[in-house]
């Protein structure tokens, strides 16, 4: 059904795809709202991450305390 089409009748060289995996890192900020926003703004100014990468601050139930999470993924190729 399929025929070899290379000119010299030799099999083509093998090609293997590199494996791909991700490294994951989560940052968790815990504190009062103003401190969270200041830390997020500082990391954005340093170009470490965008502001939108952070979750909206969530009240923890403790007086004036909030939590925000940011996940960074980095692709690593091997092989």
C-alpha atoms as a PDB file:
ATOM      1  CA  UNK A   1       0.000   0.000   0.000  1.00  0.00           C
ATOM      2  CA  UNK A   2       2.824   2.415   0.895  1.00  0.00           C
ATOM      3  CA  UNK A   3       5.990   2.507  -1.137  1.00  0.00           C
ATOM      4  CA  UNK A   4       9.404   3.852  -0.240  1.00  0.00           C
ATOM      5  CA  UNK A   5      10.084   6.985  -2.209  1.00  0.00           C
ATOM      6  CA  UNK A   6      13.656   7.869  -1.353  1.00  0.00           C
ATOM      7  CA  UNK A   7      15.965   7.934  -4.324  1.00  0.00           C
ATOM      8  CA  UNK A   8      18.691   5.591  -3.072  1.00  0.00           C
ATOM      9  CA  UNK A   9      16.474   2.951  -1.457  1.00  0.00           C
ATOM     10  CA  UNK A  10      17.833   3.650   2.039  1.00  0.00           C
ATOM     11  CA  UNK A  11      15.609   4.038   5.060  1.00  0.00           C
ATOM     12  CA  UNK A  12      15.342   7.616   6.347  1.00  0.00           C
ATOM     13  CA  UNK A  13      17.246   8.548   9.505  1.00  0.00           C
ATOM     14  CA  UNK A  14      15.269   8.107  12.703  1.00  0.00           C
ATOM     15  CA  UNK A  15      13.961  11.252  14.301  1.00  0.00           C
ATOM     16  CA  UNK A  16      12.999  11.268  17.968  1.00  0.00           C
ATOM     17  CA  UNK A  17      11.089  14.065  19.590  1.00  0.00           C
ATOM     18  CA  UNK A  18      12.489  15.443  22.837  1.00  0.00           C
ATOM     19  CA  UNK A  19      10.484  14.680  25.959  1.00  0.00           C
ATOM     20  CA  UNK A  20       8.767  17.626  27.582  1.00  0.00           C
ATOM     21  CA  UNK A  21       7.851  18.137  31.187  1.00  0.00           C
ATOM     22  CA  UNK A  22       6.918  21.131  33.275  1.00  0.00           C
ATOM     23  CA  UNK A  23       8.347  22.335  36.524  1.00  0.00           C
ATOM     24  CA  UNK A  24       5.746  24.013  38.693  1.00  0.00           C
ATOM     25  CA  UNK A  25       6.320  26.595  41.397  1.00  0.00           C
ATOM     26  CA  UNK A  26       3.567  28.177  43.503  1.00  0.00           C
ATOM     27  CA  UNK A  27       3.948  31.407  45.403  1.00  0.00           C
ATOM     28  CA  UNK A  28       1.546  32.055  48.252  1.00  0.00           C
ATOM     29  CA  UNK A  29       1.141  35.501  49.754  1.00  0.00           C
ATOM     30  CA  UNK A  30      -0.548  35.750  53.118  1.00  0.00           C
ATOM     31  CA  UNK A  31      -1.100  39.053  54.890  1.00  0.00           C
ATOM     32  CA  UNK A  32      -3.157  42.205  54.921  1.00  0.00           C
ATOM     33  CA  UNK A  33      -4.609  43.417  51.651  1.00  0.00           C
ATOM     34  CA  UNK A  34      -2.270  46.389  51.212  1.00  0.00           C
ATOM     35  CA  UNK A  35       0.829  44.233  51.795  1.00  0.00           C
ATOM     36  CA  UNK A  36      -0.363  41.655  49.254  1.00  0.00           C
ATOM     37  CA  UNK A  37      -0.987  44.304  46.617  1.00  0.00           C
ATOM     38  CA  UNK A  38       2.388  45.941  47.275  1.00  0.00           C
ATOM     39  CA  UNK A  39       4.224  42.610  46.930  1.00  0.00           C
ATOM     40  CA  UNK A  40       2.348  41.770  43.712  1.00  0.00           C
ATOM     41  CA  UNK A  41       3.148  45.211  42.281  1.00  0.00           C
ATOM     42  CA  UNK A  42       6.833  44.869  43.212  1.00  0.00           C
ATOM     43  CA  UNK A  43       7.121  41.470  41.508  1.00  0.00           C
ATOM     44  CA  UNK A  44       5.451  42.915  38.409  1.00  0.00           C
ATOM     45  CA  UNK A  45       7.854  45.884  38.425  1.00  0.00           C
ATOM     46  CA  UNK A  46      10.779  43.444  38.590  1.00  0.00           C
ATOM     47  CA  UNK A  47       9.206  41.611  35.612  1.00  0.00           C
ATOM     48  CA  UNK A  48       9.054  38.404  37.620  1.00  0.00           C
ATOM     49  CA  UNK A  49       5.379  37.920  36.821  1.00  0.00           C
ATOM     50  CA  UNK A  50       2.343  39.805  35.593  1.00  0.00           C
ATOM     51  CA  UNK A  51      -0.192  41.124  38.071  1.00  0.00           C
ATOM     52  CA  UNK A  52      -2.911  39.073  36.389  1.00  0.00           C
ATOM     53  CA  UNK A  53      -1.031  35.860  37.206  1.00  0.00           C
ATOM     54  CA  UNK A  54      -2.103  36.201  40.844  1.00  0.00           C
ATOM     55  CA  UNK A  55      -5.458  35.016  42.116  1.00  0.00           C
ATOM     56  CA  UNK A  56      -7.792  37.641  43.494  1.00  0.00           C
ATOM     57  CA  UNK A  57      -7.060  38.143  47.198  1.00  0.00           C
ATOM     58  CA  UNK A  58      -9.264  35.830  49.269  1.00  0.00           C
ATOM     59  CA  UNK A  59     -10.181  36.614  52.874  1.00  0.00           C
ATOM     60  CA  UNK A  60      -8.891  33.888  55.195  1.00  0.00           C
ATOM     61  CA  UNK A  61     -11.462  34.487  57.902  1.00  0.00           C
ATOM     62  CA  UNK A  62      -8.935  36.114  60.210  1.00  0.00           C
ATOM     63  CA  UNK A  63      -9.343  39.819  60.774  1.00  0.00           C
ATOM     64  CA  UNK A  64      -7.845  41.720  57.821  1.00  0.00           C
ATOM     65  CA  UNK A  65      -5.905  38.714  56.461  1.00  0.00           C
ATOM     66  CA  UNK A  66      -5.929  37.737  52.775  1.00  0.00           C
ATOM     67  CA  UNK A  67      -4.359  35.039  50.643  1.00  0.00           C
ATOM     68  CA  UNK A  68      -3.275  35.166  46.999  1.00  0.00           C
ATOM     69  CA  UNK A  69      -1.628  32.435  44.889  1.00  0.00           C
ATOM     70  CA  UNK A  70       0.455  32.564  41.721  1.00  0.00           C
ATOM     71  CA  UNK A  71       1.609  29.486  39.767  1.00  0.00           C
ATOM     72  CA  UNK A  72       4.594  29.568  37.435  1.00  0.00           C
ATOM     73  CA  UNK A  73       5.262  26.769  34.995  1.00  0.00           C
ATOM     74  CA  UNK A  74       8.516  26.329  33.194  1.00  0.00           C
ATOM     75  CA  UNK A  75       8.949  23.919  30.335  1.00  0.00           C
ATOM     76  CA  UNK A  76      12.006  21.720  30.466  1.00  0.00           C
ATOM     77  CA  UNK A  77      13.078  19.685  27.468  1.00  0.00           C
ATOM     78  CA  UNK A  78      15.235  16.619  27.818  1.00  0.00           C
ATOM     79  CA  UNK A  79      16.644  14.245  25.302  1.00  0.00           C
END
